[in-house]
Amino acid sequence: MREQIYQFKGRGQGTGHQDDPYRLIRCTEGTVMVITVTCHGIEFIKGYCRKAMIDRWGVHCEDPFLRASDAGLTHSWAQPVKRGRFIFSPIKLEIVSEQEWMRHSC
C-alpha cells in the first residue's frame, strides 16, 4: 500500500537519513494532501494541494488552496493561492480523500 503521510523535519534536515535527494508526491484522482503544522502538540491545517516536492531544504506545494466559507458557515469552497507555496519549517503532508467543497472554487 502507498505511504499516506510524509514528514518534513525542517530546513536542512529533510525527511530522514535514508531518503532520496528529493521526493515528488502526486495525489491520485479523488485525493488531496493536507498541509499541517504542529504547535505545542496541536496540529493546524495550513492548506491543501495535489502535488508537492520535498527536498532537503524545503517543500514546494504546487497549486495550493485554502478552505473558504460564507459568513453563516453554510457553504465552503476551495480558494486558490496565487502561486506555489515554499515551506521551510517542519510540516506534515497527509493524503486524504477529497471532499465535495474541494471540487468547487469561487
Protein backbone atom coordinates (compact mmCIF):
# COMPACT_ATOMS: atom_id res chain seq x y z
CA MET A 1 0.00 0.00 0.00
CA ARG A 2 1.15 3.52 -0.80
CA GLU A 3 2.51 5.67 2.01
CA GLN A 4 -0.06 8.27 3.13
CA ILE A 5 1.92 10.53 5.49
CA TYR A 6 5.10 12.44 4.62
CA GLN A 7 7.10 14.33 7.27
CA PHE A 8 9.40 17.25 6.62
CA LYS A 9 11.61 17.87 9.65
CA GLY A 10 12.75 21.38 8.76
CA ARG A 11 15.20 23.24 6.57
CA GLY A 12 18.43 21.29 6.12
CA GLN A 13 17.04 18.16 7.76
CA GLY A 14 14.69 16.87 5.06
CA THR A 15 12.62 13.76 5.62
CA GLY A 16 15.23 11.38 7.08
CA HIS A 17 18.65 9.77 6.58
CA GLN A 18 17.63 7.12 4.02
CA ASP A 19 15.59 9.36 1.72
CA ASP A 20 16.24 10.25 -1.89
CA PRO A 21 17.65 13.73 -2.53
CA TYR A 22 14.11 14.79 -3.43
CA ARG A 23 10.65 13.26 -3.44
CA LEU A 24 7.74 14.15 -5.73
CA ILE A 25 4.29 13.37 -4.35
CA ARG A 26 1.22 13.39 -6.58
CA CYS A 27 -2.28 12.65 -5.43
CA THR A 28 -4.42 10.21 -7.35
CA GLU A 29 -7.93 11.06 -8.53
CA GLY A 30 -10.20 11.71 -5.55
CA THR A 31 -7.43 12.54 -3.05
CA VAL A 32 -5.64 15.69 -1.82
CA MET A 33 -2.80 16.47 0.56
CA VAL A 34 -3.45 18.28 3.81
CA ILE A 35 -0.56 20.50 4.89
CA THR A 36 -0.36 20.64 8.69
CA VAL A 37 1.96 22.32 11.15
CA THR A 38 2.21 21.29 14.80
CA CYS A 39 2.40 23.90 17.56
CA HIS A 40 2.70 22.70 21.17
CA GLY A 41 1.33 19.30 20.21
CA ILE A 42 -1.73 20.65 18.36
CA GLU A 43 -2.00 20.27 14.57
CA PHE A 44 -3.18 23.23 12.49
CA ILE A 45 -4.15 22.99 8.81
CA LYS A 46 -2.01 25.34 6.75
CA GLY A 47 -3.59 24.48 3.39
CA TYR A 48 -4.16 21.79 0.77
CA CYS A 49 -2.52 20.78 -2.51
CA ARG A 50 -2.50 17.95 -5.04
CA LYS A 51 1.23 17.87 -5.83
CA ALA A 52 4.34 18.61 -3.74
CA MET A 53 8.09 18.21 -3.99
CA ILE A 54 10.21 17.66 -0.88
CA ASP A 55 13.97 18.06 -0.84
CA ARG A 56 16.45 18.52 1.97
CA TRP A 57 15.85 22.26 2.19
CA GLY A 58 12.10 22.67 1.85
CA VAL A 59 8.73 21.70 0.43
CA HIS A 60 7.19 23.21 -2.69
CA CYS A 61 3.41 22.80 -2.86
CA GLU A 62 2.05 23.28 -6.37
CA ASP A 63 -1.36 24.92 -6.83
CA PRO A 64 -2.19 25.14 -3.12
CA PHE A 65 -5.63 26.16 -1.92
CA LEU A 66 -7.36 27.12 1.31
CA ARG A 67 -10.87 26.46 2.58
CA ALA A 68 -13.16 29.50 2.39
CA SER A 69 -16.71 29.72 3.76
CA ASP A 70 -19.60 32.16 3.74
CA ALA A 71 -20.43 34.20 6.85
CA GLY A 72 -23.03 31.68 8.02
CA LEU A 73 -20.68 28.73 7.52
CA THR A 74 -23.30 27.05 5.34
CA HIS A 75 -21.23 26.86 2.13
CA SER A 76 -17.48 26.18 1.65
CA TRP A 77 -15.23 26.24 -1.41
CA ALA A 78 -11.57 25.97 -2.41
CA GLN A 79 -9.83 29.35 -2.51
CA PRO A 80 -6.73 29.07 -4.73
CA VAL A 81 -3.46 30.61 -3.59
CA LYS A 82 -1.99 32.64 -6.45
CA ARG A 83 1.45 30.99 -6.52
CA GLY A 84 3.04 27.79 -5.40
CA ARG A 85 3.99 27.80 -1.74
CA PHE A 86 7.51 27.15 -0.41
CA ILE A 87 7.63 25.90 3.18
CA PHE A 88 10.85 25.62 5.18
CA SER A 89 9.51 24.87 8.67
CA PRO A 90 8.59 21.37 9.90
CA ILE A 91 5.29 20.16 8.43
CA LYS A 92 3.33 17.02 7.70
CA LEU A 93 1.68 16.17 4.37
CA GLU A 94 -1.11 13.63 4.60
CA ILE A 95 -3.06 12.22 1.69
CA VAL A 96 -6.78 12.18 2.45
CA SER A 97 -9.99 11.66 0.48
CA GLU A 98 -11.22 14.69 -1.44
CA GLN A 99 -14.33 16.33 -0.04
CA GLU A 100 -17.10 17.96 -2.06
CA TRP A 101 -16.09 21.56 -1.19
CA MET A 102 -12.58 20.92 -2.60
CA ARG A 103 -14.02 20.47 -6.10
CA HIS A 104 -15.51 23.98 -6.18
CA SER A 105 -13.69 27.29 -6.40
CA CYS A 106 -15.01 30.83 -6.41
